[in-house]
Amino acid sequence: MELTQRKRAILAEIVKMYIETGEPIGSKLLATRLKDSPSTATLRAEMCELEKLGYLKQPHTSAGRFPTSRAYRLYVNELMARDDISGDSRELIDRMLVDINPEPESIGSAAAQILTTLTGLPAVYAENVENGTIMKKVTVLPMGRAAVIIFAITGDGRSRSRLVPCKLPLSEENIALFMEIAEKSICQKRLCELNKAYLQSLTAAAGLEALSLAPLFAALFDMAEELGRTKINMRGESKLFSALGSETSAKGVLRLFSSTDTAQSILSSSSDTVGVVFGDDTEFEELKPTGMIIASYGGQSEFGRLAVIGPTRMSYERILPSVEYLAEQIGKIMQEMLKGLEE
């Protein structure tokens, strides 16, 4: 059965009306909204065919119809008017970005908070820690003869510091040797290469100074491991309960996103710069009543991903441009920050 232009127009209007009202749509109401609407009898026939095609459902015989996930998917991908972000939303985002902390590990959290403030829905962010992320710089600051502070900075601008107590006193020569080893054998290495075995080999290579430097290498291993771990967090969790209308559904979604691996898998399910993923298209039963607008930020570098989670019938026309615009602005801020680091 062909999806004619009339069927497409009818389906688009039903999706828009259902998003607005949450009530099944009947032919009489639909006729008042469609431009050059055919008769109600014709509309009922077309709606019946759309139901057979899997785009509509009917709760019972005398009721109106509501869209399925297949209808939402077609609506978002083909039927929806992709408008620019509204002036009010752009102004709000720009205003909230003025005071944002540009540090890589703060910016994702701040962006998610902006999204949940803007949309009234929970938002998730994930840092994109790839195998290609390198250790850019390691610095040691002596704190007397019995302790040092180690600073580590990655190529994507994230950092860690650690106060390292030392049982054996450290001389200037000890610290100089550690810095030399770090410069030659640690900086420019990928985080995934800085594993325990590799750092143990560097400790052994320090020869007679190995015992003195072992705590420094152990601390550096811990920092590299932590920096190489994907960070995922959610803002506006409490909004999920009202958005989904079910405490059970909300708790199920929260459980999924409490697992880093699962959350990363979900957020990676869209290959587009900005796209929509419907719960019905995933393997997770808990996501069935949801829709997610997911955007990557940082261009080809892809520093991370942002997502808004809502009911399947959320306002894609309004929310999607805001997510896209915010991701673009966050990416620009990150690029400027990295440019400053390089200089």
C-alpha atoms as a PDB file:
ATOM      1  CA  MET A   1       0.000   0.000   0.000  1.00  0.00           C
ATOM      2  CA  GLU A   2       1.468   3.320  -1.091  1.00  0.00           C
ATOM      3  CA  LEU A   3       2.058   6.118   1.415  1.00  0.00           C
ATOM      4  CA  THR A   4       0.554   8.887  -0.708  1.00  0.00           C
ATOM      5  CA  GLN A   5       1.055  12.602  -0.159  1.00  0.00           C
ATOM      6  CA  ARG A   6      -2.404  12.783   1.408  1.00  0.00           C
ATOM      7  CA  LYS A   7      -1.590   9.974   3.821  1.00  0.00           C
ATOM      8  CA  ARG A   8       1.666  11.693   4.716  1.00  0.00           C
ATOM      9  CA  ALA A   9      -0.132  14.991   5.374  1.00  0.00           C
ATOM     10  CA  ILE A  10      -2.767  13.240   7.499  1.00  0.00           C
ATOM     11  CA  LEU A  11      -0.122  11.351   9.468  1.00  0.00           C
ATOM     12  CA  ALA A  12       1.972  14.482  10.065  1.00  0.00           C
ATOM     13  CA  GLU A  13      -1.050  16.353  11.432  1.00  0.00           C
ATOM     14  CA  ILE A  14      -2.070  13.441  13.667  1.00  0.00           C
ATOM     15  CA  VAL A  15       1.431  13.284  15.169  1.00  0.00           C
ATOM     16  CA  LYS A  16       1.470  17.054  15.795  1.00  0.00           C
ATOM     17  CA  MET A  17      -1.992  16.992  17.370  1.00  0.00           C
ATOM     18  CA  TYR A  18      -1.189  14.014  19.561  1.00  0.00           C
ATOM     19  CA  ILE A  19       2.026  15.662  20.781  1.00  0.00           C
ATOM     20  CA  GLU A  20      -0.050  18.723  21.724  1.00  0.00           C
ATOM     21  CA  THR A  21      -2.943  16.938  23.437  1.00  0.00           C
ATOM     22  CA  GLY A  22      -1.967  13.376  24.324  1.00  0.00           C
ATOM     23  CA  GLU A  23      -5.495  12.327  23.270  1.00  0.00           C
ATOM     24  CA  PRO A  24      -6.440   9.946  20.415  1.00  0.00           C
ATOM     25  CA  ILE A  25      -7.310  11.924  17.284  1.00  0.00           C
ATOM     26  CA  GLY A  26     -10.687  11.461  15.567  1.00  0.00           C
ATOM     27  CA  SER A  27     -11.622  12.291  11.986  1.00  0.00           C
ATOM     28  CA  LYS A  28     -13.888  15.229  12.907  1.00  0.00           C
ATOM     29  CA  LEU A  29     -11.161  17.017  14.875  1.00  0.00           C
ATOM     30  CA  LEU A  30      -8.579  16.197  12.229  1.00  0.00           C
ATOM     31  CA  ALA A  31     -10.776  17.748   9.528  1.00  0.00           C
ATOM     32  CA  THR A  32     -10.675  21.101  11.337  1.00  0.00           C
ATOM     33  CA  ARG A  33      -6.874  21.124  11.250  1.00  0.00           C
ATOM     34  CA  LEU A  34      -6.078  19.893   7.755  1.00  0.00           C
ATOM     35  CA  LYS A  35      -5.807  22.361   4.918  1.00  0.00           C
ATOM     36  CA  ASP A  36      -8.207  21.403   2.078  1.00  0.00           C
ATOM     37  CA  SER A  37      -9.409  18.503   4.197  1.00  0.00           C
ATOM     38  CA  PRO A  38     -11.344  15.692   2.496  1.00  0.00           C
ATOM     39  CA  SER A  39     -14.571  14.427   4.051  1.00  0.00           C
ATOM     40  CA  THR A  40     -14.540  12.779   7.453  1.00  0.00           C
ATOM     41  CA  ALA A  41     -15.477   9.483   5.804  1.00  0.00           C
ATOM     42  CA  THR A  42     -12.402   9.728   3.563  1.00  0.00           C
ATOM     43  CA  LEU A  43     -10.251  10.614   6.553  1.00  0.00           C
ATOM     44  CA  ARG A  44     -11.493   7.566   8.442  1.00  0.00           C
ATOM     45  CA  ALA A  45     -10.666   5.354   5.467  1.00  0.00           C
ATOM     46  CA  GLU A  46      -7.166   6.847   5.185  1.00  0.00           C
ATOM     47  CA  MET A  47      -6.607   6.474   8.926  1.00  0.00           C
ATOM     48  CA  CYS A  48      -7.700   2.844   8.728  1.00  0.00           C
ATOM     49  CA  GLU A  49      -5.120   2.213   5.997  1.00  0.00           C
ATOM     50  CA  LEU A  50      -2.425   3.993   8.025  1.00  0.00           C
ATOM     51  CA  GLU A  51      -3.296   1.684  10.899  1.00  0.00           C
ATOM     52  CA  LYS A  52      -2.841  -1.355   8.668  1.00  0.00           C
ATOM     53  CA  LEU A  53       0.557   0.043   7.642  1.00  0.00           C
ATOM     54  CA  GLY A  54       1.606   0.211  11.288  1.00  0.00           C
ATOM     55  CA  TYR A  55       1.612   4.005  11.650  1.00  0.00           C
ATOM     56  CA  LEU A  56      -1.481   4.370  13.842  1.00  0.00           C
ATOM     57  CA  LYS A  57      -3.169   2.518  16.698  1.00  0.00           C
ATOM     58  CA  GLN A  58      -6.744   2.616  17.960  1.00  0.00           C
ATOM     59  CA  PRO A  59      -7.483   1.915  21.650  1.00  0.00           C
ATOM     60  CA  HIS A  60     -10.967   0.629  20.788  1.00  0.00           C
ATOM     61  CA  THR A  61     -13.366   0.683  17.836  1.00  0.00           C
ATOM     62  CA  SER A  62     -15.154   3.970  18.537  1.00  0.00           C
ATOM     63  CA  ALA A  63     -12.060   5.884  19.625  1.00  0.00           C
ATOM     64  CA  GLY A  64      -9.713   8.068  17.650  1.00  0.00           C
ATOM     65  CA  ARG A  65      -6.197   6.964  16.737  1.00  0.00           C
ATOM     66  CA  PHE A  66      -2.718   7.787  17.991  1.00  0.00           C
ATOM     67  CA  PRO A  67       0.709   7.428  16.342  1.00  0.00           C
ATOM     68  CA  THR A  68       3.069   4.470  16.784  1.00  0.00           C
ATOM     69  CA  SER A  69       6.854   4.654  17.064  1.00  0.00           C
ATOM     70  CA  ARG A  70       6.979   4.002  13.334  1.00  0.00           C
ATOM     71  CA  ALA A  71       4.896   7.148  12.767  1.00  0.00           C
ATOM     72  CA  TYR A  72       7.122   9.250  15.038  1.00  0.00           C
ATOM     73  CA  ARG A  73      10.182   7.954  13.211  1.00  0.00           C
ATOM     74  CA  LEU A  74       8.767   8.946   9.808  1.00  0.00           C
ATOM     75  CA  TYR A  75       7.595  12.267  11.208  1.00  0.00           C
ATOM     76  CA  VAL A  76      11.015  13.206  12.601  1.00  0.00           C
ATOM     77  CA  ASN A  77      13.001  11.949   9.612  1.00  0.00           C
ATOM     78  CA  GLU A  78      10.773  13.103   6.735  1.00  0.00           C
ATOM     79  CA  LEU A  79       7.559  14.915   7.645  1.00  0.00           C
ATOM     80  CA  MET A  80       8.557  17.366  10.354  1.00  0.00           C
ATOM     81  CA  ALA A  81       9.408  20.939   9.427  1.00  0.00           C
ATOM     82  CA  ARG A  82      12.998  21.456  10.627  1.00  0.00           C
ATOM     83  CA  ASP A  83      12.699  25.003  11.929  1.00  0.00           C
ATOM     84  CA  ASP A  84      15.543  27.127  13.277  1.00  0.00           C
ATOM     85  CA  ILE A  85      15.829  27.570  17.020  1.00  0.00           C
ATOM     86  CA  SER A  86      13.425  30.176  18.386  1.00  0.00           C
ATOM     87  CA  GLY A  87      14.811  33.577  19.329  1.00  0.00           C
ATOM     88  CA  ASP A  88      13.830  33.105  22.979  1.00  0.00           C
ATOM     89  CA  SER A  89      15.582  29.737  23.242  1.00  0.00           C
ATOM     90  CA  ARG A  90      18.706  31.055  21.521  1.00  0.00           C
ATOM     91  CA  GLU A  91      18.801  34.054  23.843  1.00  0.00           C
ATOM     92  CA  LEU A  92      18.386  31.866  26.940  1.00  0.00           C
ATOM     93  CA  ILE A  93      21.163  29.481  25.856  1.00  0.00           C
ATOM     94  CA  ASP A  94      23.537  32.346  25.006  1.00  0.00           C
ATOM     95  CA  ARG A  95      22.844  34.001  28.344  1.00  0.00           C
ATOM     96  CA  MET A  96      23.481  30.787  30.299  1.00  0.00           C
ATOM     97  CA  LEU A  97      26.696  30.107  28.353  1.00  0.00           C
ATOM     98  CA  VAL A  98      28.229  33.445  29.369  1.00  0.00           C
ATOM     99  CA  ASP A  99      29.159  32.189  32.842  1.00  0.00           C
ATOM    100  CA  ILE A 100      29.896  28.601  31.885  1.00  0.00           C
ATOM    101  CA  ASN A 101      33.143  27.025  33.112  1.00  0.00           C
ATOM    102  CA  PRO A 102      35.034  26.089  29.909  1.00  0.00           C
ATOM    103  CA  GLU A 103      36.963  23.226  31.515  1.00  0.00           C
ATOM    104  CA  PRO A 104      36.241  19.950  29.671  1.00  0.00           C
ATOM    105  CA  GLU A 105      35.014  18.118  32.754  1.00  0.00           C
ATOM    106  CA  SER A 106      32.631  20.914  33.744  1.00  0.00           C
ATOM    107  CA  ILE A 107      31.206  21.873  30.391  1.00  0.00           C
ATOM    108  CA  GLY A 108      29.195  18.702  29.763  1.00  0.00           C
ATOM    109  CA  SER A 109      27.479  18.939  33.121  1.00  0.00           C
ATOM    110  CA  ALA A 110      26.700  22.618  32.566  1.00  0.00           C
ATOM    111  CA  ALA A 111      25.312  21.919  29.088  1.00  0.00           C
ATOM    112  CA  ALA A 112      23.040  19.178  30.428  1.00  0.00           C
ATOM    113  CA  GLN A 113      21.774  21.570  33.101  1.00  0.00           C
ATOM    114  CA  ILE A 114      21.012  24.177  30.431  1.00  0.00           C
ATOM    115  CA  LEU A 115      19.040  21.591  28.441  1.00  0.00           C
ATOM    116  CA  THR A 116      16.958  20.450  31.382  1.00  0.00           C
ATOM    117  CA  THR A 117      16.234  24.080  32.306  1.00  0.00           C
ATOM    118  CA  LEU A 118      15.235  24.841  28.715  1.00  0.00           C
ATOM    119  CA  THR A 119      13.121  21.740  28.015  1.00  0.00           C
ATOM    120  CA  GLY A 120      11.800  20.700  31.422  1.00  0.00           C
ATOM    121  CA  LEU A 121      13.120  17.197  30.676  1.00  0.00           C
ATOM    122  CA  PRO A 122      16.094  15.236  32.043  1.00  0.00           C
ATOM    123  CA  ALA A 123      19.342  15.583  30.112  1.00  0.00           C
ATOM    124  CA  VAL A 124      22.398  13.328  29.954  1.00  0.00           C
ATOM    125  CA  TYR A 125      25.972  14.062  28.973  1.00  0.00           C
ATOM    126  CA  ALA A 126      28.892  11.747  28.289  1.00  0.00           C
ATOM    127  CA  GLU A 127      32.546  12.571  27.801  1.00  0.00           C
ATOM    128  CA  ASN A 128      33.984  10.847  24.776  1.00  0.00           C
ATOM    129  CA  VAL A 129      37.180   9.202  26.011  1.00  0.00           C
ATOM    130  CA  GLU A 130      38.591   7.356  23.022  1.00  0.00           C
ATOM    131  CA  ASN A 131      41.638   5.135  22.776  1.00  0.00           C
ATOM    132  CA  GLY A 132      43.348   7.957  20.886  1.00  0.00           C
ATOM    133  CA  THR A 133      43.319  10.359  23.868  1.00  0.00           C
ATOM    134  CA  ILE A 134      46.927  11.095  24.822  1.00  0.00           C
ATOM    135  CA  MET A 135      48.731  12.179  27.964  1.00  0.00           C
ATOM    136  CA  LYS A 136      49.884  15.649  26.961  1.00  0.00           C
ATOM    137  CA  LYS A 137      51.873  16.829  29.958  1.00  0.00           C
ATOM    138  CA  VAL A 138      53.075  15.631  33.368  1.00  0.00           C
ATOM    139  CA  THR A 139      54.429  18.054  35.953  1.00  0.00           C
ATOM    140  CA  VAL A 140      55.786  17.459  39.458  1.00  0.00           C
ATOM    141  CA  LEU A 141      55.742  20.073  42.216  1.00  0.00           C
ATOM    142  CA  PRO A 142      57.886  19.218  45.315  1.00  0.00           C
ATOM    143  CA  MET A 143      56.183  19.662  48.683  1.00  0.00           C
ATOM    144  CA  GLY A 144      59.228  19.377  50.924  1.00  0.00           C
ATOM    145  CA  ARG A 145      61.333  16.197  50.866  1.00  0.00           C
ATOM    146  CA  ALA A 146      58.549  13.757  51.741  1.00  0.00           C
ATOM    147  CA  ALA A 147      55.782  14.572  49.260  1.00  0.00           C
ATOM    148  CA  VAL A 148      55.094  15.867  45.742  1.00  0.00           C
ATOM    149  CA  ILE A 149      52.072  16.941  43.771  1.00  0.00           C
ATOM    150  CA  ILE A 150      51.762  15.390  40.313  1.00  0.00           C
ATOM    151  CA  PHE A 151      49.757  17.218  37.636  1.00  0.00           C
ATOM    152  CA  ALA A 152      48.630  15.353  34.504  1.00  0.00           C
ATOM    153  CA  ILE A 153      46.909  16.957  31.481  1.00  0.00           C
ATOM    154  CA  THR A 154      45.431  15.069  28.507  1.00  0.00           C
ATOM    155  CA  GLY A 155      45.359  16.141  24.888  1.00  0.00           C
ATOM    156  CA  ASP A 156      41.655  16.993  25.161  1.00  0.00           C
ATOM    157  CA  GLY A 157      42.257  19.357  28.071  1.00  0.00           C
ATOM    158  CA  ARG A 158      41.202  17.207  31.043  1.00  0.00           C
ATOM    159  CA  SER A 159      43.438  17.191  34.110  1.00  0.00           C
ATOM    160  CA  ARG A 160      44.138  15.452  37.387  1.00  0.00           C
ATOM    161  CA  SER A 161      46.388  16.238  40.332  1.00  0.00           C
ATOM    162  CA  ARG A 162      47.503  13.996  43.158  1.00  0.00           C
ATOM    163  CA  LEU A 163      49.383  14.610  46.407  1.00  0.00           C
ATOM    164  CA  VAL A 164      51.861  11.751  46.722  1.00  0.00           C
ATOM    165  CA  PRO A 165      53.457  11.056  50.132  1.00  0.00           C
ATOM    166  CA  CYS A 166      56.875   9.421  49.788  1.00  0.00           C
ATOM    167  CA  LYS A 167      58.346   7.104  52.412  1.00  0.00           C
ATOM    168  CA  LEU A 168      61.832   7.770  51.075  1.00  0.00           C
ATOM    169  CA  PRO A 169      63.016  11.397  50.750  1.00  0.00           C
ATOM    170  CA  LEU A 170      63.072  12.689  47.175  1.00  0.00           C
ATOM    171  CA  SER A 171      66.050  14.671  45.961  1.00  0.00           C
ATOM    172  CA  GLU A 172      66.061  17.148  43.087  1.00  0.00           C
ATOM    173  CA  GLU A 173      67.868  14.469  41.091  1.00  0.00           C
ATOM    174  CA  ASN A 174      65.043  11.971  41.767  1.00  0.00           C
ATOM    175  CA  ILE A 175      62.415  14.407  40.565  1.00  0.00           C
ATOM    176  CA  ALA A 176      64.492  15.379  37.522  1.00  0.00           C
ATOM    177  CA  LEU A 177      64.810  11.686  36.592  1.00  0.00           C
ATOM    178  CA  PHE A 178      61.064  11.132  36.939  1.00  0.00           C
ATOM    179  CA  MET A 179      60.352  14.172  34.758  1.00  0.00           C
ATOM    180  CA  GLU A 180      62.829  12.932  32.138  1.00  0.00           C
ATOM    181  CA  ILE A 181      61.161   9.501  32.032  1.00  0.00           C
ATOM    182  CA  ALA A 182      57.728  11.126  31.865  1.00  0.00           C
ATOM    183  CA  GLU A 183      58.773  13.375  28.980  1.00  0.00           C
ATOM    184  CA  LYS A 184      60.295  10.533  26.960  1.00  0.00           C
ATOM    185  CA  SER A 185      58.029   7.593  27.776  1.00  0.00           C
ATOM    186  CA  ILE A 186      54.681   8.909  29.071  1.00  0.00           C
ATOM    187  CA  CYS A 187      53.839  12.186  27.331  1.00  0.00           C
ATOM    188  CA  GLN A 188      52.243  11.661  23.898  1.00  0.00           C
ATOM    189  CA  LYS A 189      51.315   8.102  24.850  1.00  0.00           C
ATOM    190  CA  ARG A 190      47.658   7.093  24.609  1.00  0.00           C
ATOM    191  CA  LEU A 191      45.909   6.696  27.949  1.00  0.00           C
ATOM    192  CA  CYS A 192      45.060   3.098  27.128  1.00  0.00           C
ATOM    193  CA  GLU A 193      48.808   2.376  26.803  1.00  0.00           C
ATOM    194  CA  LEU A 194      49.574   3.690  30.282  1.00  0.00           C
ATOM    195  CA  ASN A 195      48.542   0.502  32.009  1.00  0.00           C
ATOM    196  CA  LYS A 196      49.966  -0.982  35.172  1.00  0.00           C
ATOM    197  CA  ALA A 197      52.405  -3.289  33.396  1.00  0.00           C
ATOM    198  CA  TYR A 198      53.838  -0.448  31.302  1.00  0.00           C
ATOM    199  CA  LEU A 199      54.321   1.871  34.275  1.00  0.00           C
ATOM    200  CA  GLN A 200      55.900  -0.974  36.281  1.00  0.00           C
ATOM    201  CA  SER A 201      58.397  -1.423  33.467  1.00  0.00           C
ATOM    202  CA  LEU A 202      59.256   2.271  33.649  1.00  0.00           C
ATOM    203  CA  THR A 203      59.737   1.979  37.396  1.00  0.00           C
ATOM    204  CA  ALA A 204      62.136  -0.919  36.889  1.00  0.00           C
ATOM    205  CA  ALA A 205      63.993   1.050  34.228  1.00  0.00           C
ATOM    206  CA  ALA A 206      64.716   3.749  36.820  1.00  0.00           C
ATOM    207  CA  GLY A 207      67.361   1.413  38.239  1.00  0.00           C
ATOM    208  CA  LEU A 208      68.681   2.326  41.675  1.00  0.00           C
ATOM    209  CA  GLU A 209      66.058   5.072  42.019  1.00  0.00           C
ATOM    210  CA  ALA A 210      63.145   2.712  41.367  1.00  0.00           C
ATOM    211  CA  LEU A 211      62.194   2.367  45.018  1.00  0.00           C
ATOM    212  CA  SER A 212      62.055   6.150  45.504  1.00  0.00           C
ATOM    213  CA  LEU A 213      60.052   6.773  42.324  1.00  0.00           C
ATOM    214  CA  ALA A 214      57.604   3.853  42.660  1.00  0.00           C
ATOM    215  CA  PRO A 215      54.931   5.926  44.499  1.00  0.00           C
ATOM    216  CA  LEU A 216      55.034   8.551  41.731  1.00  0.00           C
ATOM    217  CA  PHE A 217      54.540   5.974  38.979  1.00  0.00           C
ATOM    218  CA  ALA A 218      51.732   4.307  40.967  1.00  0.00           C
ATOM    219  CA  ALA A 219      49.940   7.669  41.359  1.00  0.00           C
ATOM    220  CA  LEU A 220      50.364   8.392  37.655  1.00  0.00           C
ATOM    221  CA  PHE A 221      48.866   5.012  36.790  1.00  0.00           C
ATOM    222  CA  ASP A 222      45.814   5.802  38.947  1.00  0.00           C
ATOM    223  CA  MET A 223      45.368   9.182  37.266  1.00  0.00           C
ATOM    224  CA  ALA A 224      45.731   7.738  33.744  1.00  0.00           C
ATOM    225  CA  GLU A 225      43.159   5.056  34.559  1.00  0.00           C
ATOM    226  CA  GLU A 226      40.729   7.650  35.927  1.00  0.00           C
ATOM    227  CA  LEU A 227      41.233   9.983  32.957  1.00  0.00           C
ATOM    228  CA  GLY A 228      40.604   7.094  30.576  1.00  0.00           C
ATOM    229  CA  ARG A 229      37.254   6.279  32.163  1.00  0.00           C
ATOM    230  CA  THR A 230      34.125   7.590  30.425  1.00  0.00           C
ATOM    231  CA  LYS A 231      32.097   9.938  32.607  1.00  0.00           C
ATOM    232  CA  ILE A 232      28.322   9.919  32.234  1.00  0.00           C
ATOM    233  CA  ASN A 233      25.891  11.915  34.298  1.00  0.00           C
ATOM    234  CA  MET A 234      22.277  13.059  34.265  1.00  0.00           C
ATOM    235  CA  ARG A 235      20.689  16.360  35.225  1.00  0.00           C
ATOM    236  CA  GLY A 236      17.004  16.826  36.076  1.00  0.00           C
ATOM    237  CA  GLU A 237      16.428  13.204  37.076  1.00  0.00           C
ATOM    238  CA  SER A 238      13.322  14.157  39.042  1.00  0.00           C
ATOM    239  CA  LYS A 239      11.694  15.471  35.850  1.00  0.00           C
ATOM    240  CA  LEU A 240      11.694  11.950  34.408  1.00  0.00           C
ATOM    241  CA  PHE A 241       8.839  10.849  36.682  1.00  0.00           C
ATOM    242  CA  SER A 242       6.445  13.540  35.459  1.00  0.00           C
ATOM    243  CA  ALA A 243       7.661  13.221  31.839  1.00  0.00           C
ATOM    244  CA  LEU A 244       6.921   9.497  31.623  1.00  0.00           C
ATOM    245  CA  GLY A 245       3.917   9.535  33.956  1.00  0.00           C
ATOM    246  CA  SER A 246       5.051   6.348  35.637  1.00  0.00           C
ATOM    247  CA  GLU A 247       7.351   5.831  38.581  1.00  0.00           C
ATOM    248  CA  THR A 248       8.135   2.306  37.385  1.00  0.00           C
ATOM    249  CA  SER A 249       9.154   3.513  33.911  1.00  0.00           C
ATOM    250  CA  ALA A 250      11.239   6.352  35.328  1.00  0.00           C
ATOM    251  CA  LYS A 251      13.092   4.044  37.725  1.00  0.00           C
ATOM    252  CA  GLY A 252      13.792   1.619  34.874  1.00  0.00           C
ATOM    253  CA  VAL A 253      15.369   4.347  32.741  1.00  0.00           C
ATOM    254  CA  LEU A 254      17.420   5.634  35.680  1.00  0.00           C
ATOM    255  CA  ARG A 255      18.730   2.112  36.305  1.00  0.00           C
ATOM    256  CA  LEU A 256      19.904   1.860  32.704  1.00  0.00           C
ATOM    257  CA  PHE A 257      21.771   5.151  32.851  1.00  0.00           C
ATOM    258  CA  SER A 258      23.406   4.253  36.164  1.00  0.00           C
ATOM    259  CA  SER A 259      25.535   1.750  34.200  1.00  0.00           C
ATOM    260  CA  THR A 260      28.303   3.542  32.297  1.00  0.00           C
ATOM    261  CA  ASP A 261      28.617   0.839  29.616  1.00  0.00           C
ATOM    262  CA  THR A 262      24.859   0.685  29.023  1.00  0.00           C
ATOM    263  CA  ALA A 263      24.474   4.463  28.941  1.00  0.00           C
ATOM    264  CA  GLN A 264      27.381   4.785  26.515  1.00  0.00           C
ATOM    265  CA  SER A 265      25.806   2.157  24.270  1.00  0.00           C
ATOM    266  CA  ILE A 266      22.493   4.048  24.253  1.00  0.00           C
ATOM    267  CA  LEU A 267      24.078   7.430  23.548  1.00  0.00           C
ATOM    268  CA  SER A 268      26.147   5.928  20.719  1.00  0.00           C
ATOM    269  CA  SER A 269      23.076   4.465  19.002  1.00  0.00           C
ATOM    270  CA  SER A 270      22.675   7.605  16.864  1.00  0.00           C
ATOM    271  CA  SER A 271      25.342   8.083  14.200  1.00  0.00           C
ATOM    272  CA  ASP A 272      24.087  11.563  13.266  1.00  0.00           C
ATOM    273  CA  THR A 273      25.503  14.832  14.581  1.00  0.00           C
ATOM    274  CA  VAL A 274      22.033  15.340  16.010  1.00  0.00           C
ATOM    275  CA  GLY A 275      19.387  12.656  15.788  1.00  0.00           C
ATOM    276  CA  VAL A 276      16.426  10.998  17.448  1.00  0.00           C
ATOM    277  CA  VAL A 277      16.448   7.494  18.908  1.00  0.00           C
ATOM    278  CA  PHE A 278      13.158   5.869  19.892  1.00  0.00           C
ATOM    279  CA  GLY A 279      13.025   3.409  22.736  1.00  0.00           C
ATOM    280  CA  ASP A 280      11.222   0.885  20.532  1.00  0.00           C
ATOM    281  CA  ASP A 281      14.316   0.780  18.302  1.00  0.00           C
ATOM    282  CA  THR A 282      16.605  -0.269  21.154  1.00  0.00           C
ATOM    283  CA  GLU A 283      17.074  -3.583  22.922  1.00  0.00           C
ATOM    284  CA  PHE A 284      16.013  -2.135  26.262  1.00  0.00           C
ATOM    285  CA  GLU A 285      12.463  -2.719  27.424  1.00  0.00           C
ATOM    286  CA  GLU A 286      12.816   0.159  29.914  1.00  0.00           C
ATOM    287  CA  LEU A 287      13.233   2.641  27.055  1.00  0.00           C
ATOM    288  CA  LYS A 288      10.074   1.638  25.162  1.00  0.00           C
ATOM    289  CA  PRO A 289       8.024   4.672  26.297  1.00  0.00           C
ATOM    290  CA  THR A 290      10.824   7.153  25.556  1.00  0.00           C
ATOM    291  CA  GLY A 291      12.294   9.214  22.775  1.00  0.00           C
ATOM    292  CA  MET A 292      15.820  10.637  22.960  1.00  0.00           C
ATOM    293  CA  ILE A 293      17.301  13.562  21.072  1.00  0.00           C
ATOM    294  CA  ILE A 294      21.052  12.937  20.965  1.00  0.00           C
ATOM    295  CA  ALA A 295      23.737  15.332  19.714  1.00  0.00           C
ATOM    296  CA  SER A 296      27.515  15.091  19.583  1.00  0.00           C
ATOM    297  CA  TYR A 297      29.580  18.182  20.315  1.00  0.00           C
ATOM    298  CA  GLY A 298      33.048  19.107  19.109  1.00  0.00           C
ATOM    299  CA  GLY A 299      32.734  18.345  15.387  1.00  0.00           C
ATOM    300  CA  GLN A 300      35.131  15.700  14.093  1.00  0.00           C
ATOM    301  CA  SER A 301      36.887  15.639  17.476  1.00  0.00           C
ATOM    302  CA  GLU A 302      33.574  14.714  19.178  1.00  0.00           C
ATOM    303  CA  PHE A 303      34.385  15.672  22.746  1.00  0.00           C
ATOM    304  CA  GLY A 304      31.150  14.177  24.010  1.00  0.00           C
ATOM    305  CA  ARG A 305      27.424  13.672  23.613  1.00  0.00           C
ATOM    306  CA  LEU A 306      24.330  15.381  24.986  1.00  0.00           C
ATOM    307  CA  ALA A 307      20.842  13.915  25.103  1.00  0.00           C
ATOM    308  CA  VAL A 308      17.373  14.908  26.194  1.00  0.00           C
ATOM    309  CA  ILE A 309      15.146  12.050  27.365  1.00  0.00           C
ATOM    310  CA  GLY A 310      11.388  12.403  27.237  1.00  0.00           C
ATOM    311  CA  PRO A 311       8.181  10.589  26.371  1.00  0.00           C
ATOM    312  CA  THR A 312       7.814   9.393  22.798  1.00  0.00           C
ATOM    313  CA  ARG A 313       5.349  12.219  22.147  1.00  0.00           C
ATOM    314  CA  MET A 314       7.688  15.061  23.176  1.00  0.00           C
ATOM    315  CA  SER A 315       7.858  18.219  21.046  1.00  0.00           C
ATOM    316  CA  TYR A 316      10.617  17.325  18.591  1.00  0.00           C
ATOM    317  CA  GLU A 317      10.083  20.462  16.495  1.00  0.00           C
ATOM    318  CA  ARG A 318      10.782  22.688  19.488  1.00  0.00           C
ATOM    319  CA  ILE A 319      13.451  20.708  21.329  1.00  0.00           C
ATOM    320  CA  LEU A 320      15.620  19.343  18.516  1.00  0.00           C
ATOM    321  CA  PRO A 321      16.829  22.779  17.257  1.00  0.00           C
ATOM    322  CA  SER A 322      17.739  23.787  20.823  1.00  0.00           C
ATOM    323  CA  VAL A 323      19.797  20.627  21.382  1.00  0.00           C
ATOM    324  CA  GLU A 324      21.530  21.136  18.046  1.00  0.00           C
ATOM    325  CA  TYR A 325      22.318  24.807  18.725  1.00  0.00           C
ATOM    326  CA  LEU A 326      23.638  24.151  22.241  1.00  0.00           C
ATOM    327  CA  ALA A 327      25.866  21.304  20.992  1.00  0.00           C
ATOM    328  CA  GLU A 328      27.322  23.625  18.338  1.00  0.00           C
ATOM    329  CA  GLN A 329      28.070  26.360  20.884  1.00  0.00           C
ATOM    330  CA  ILE A 330      29.595  23.915  23.379  1.00  0.00           C
ATOM    331  CA  GLY A 331      31.802  22.519  20.619  1.00  0.00           C
ATOM    332  CA  LYS A 332      33.056  26.017  19.774  1.00  0.00           C
ATOM    333  CA  ILE A 333      33.882  26.720  23.421  1.00  0.00           C
ATOM    334  CA  MET A 334      35.826  23.448  23.642  1.00  0.00           C
ATOM    335  CA  GLN A 335      37.746  24.191  20.449  1.00  0.00           C
ATOM    336  CA  GLU A 336      38.727  27.626  21.741  1.00  0.00           C
ATOM    337  CA  MET A 337      39.828  26.134  25.042  1.00  0.00           C
ATOM    338  CA  LEU A 338      42.062  23.563  23.312  1.00  0.00           C
ATOM    339  CA  LYS A 339      43.466  26.238  21.035  1.00  0.00           C
ATOM    340  CA  GLY A 340      44.473  28.184  24.143  1.00  0.00           C
ATOM    341  CA  LEU A 341      46.184  25.123  25.600  1.00  0.00           C
ATOM    342  CA  GLU A 342      48.218  24.627  22.434  1.00  0.00           C
ATOM    343  CA  GLU A 343      49.353  28.233  22.461  1.00  0.00           C
END
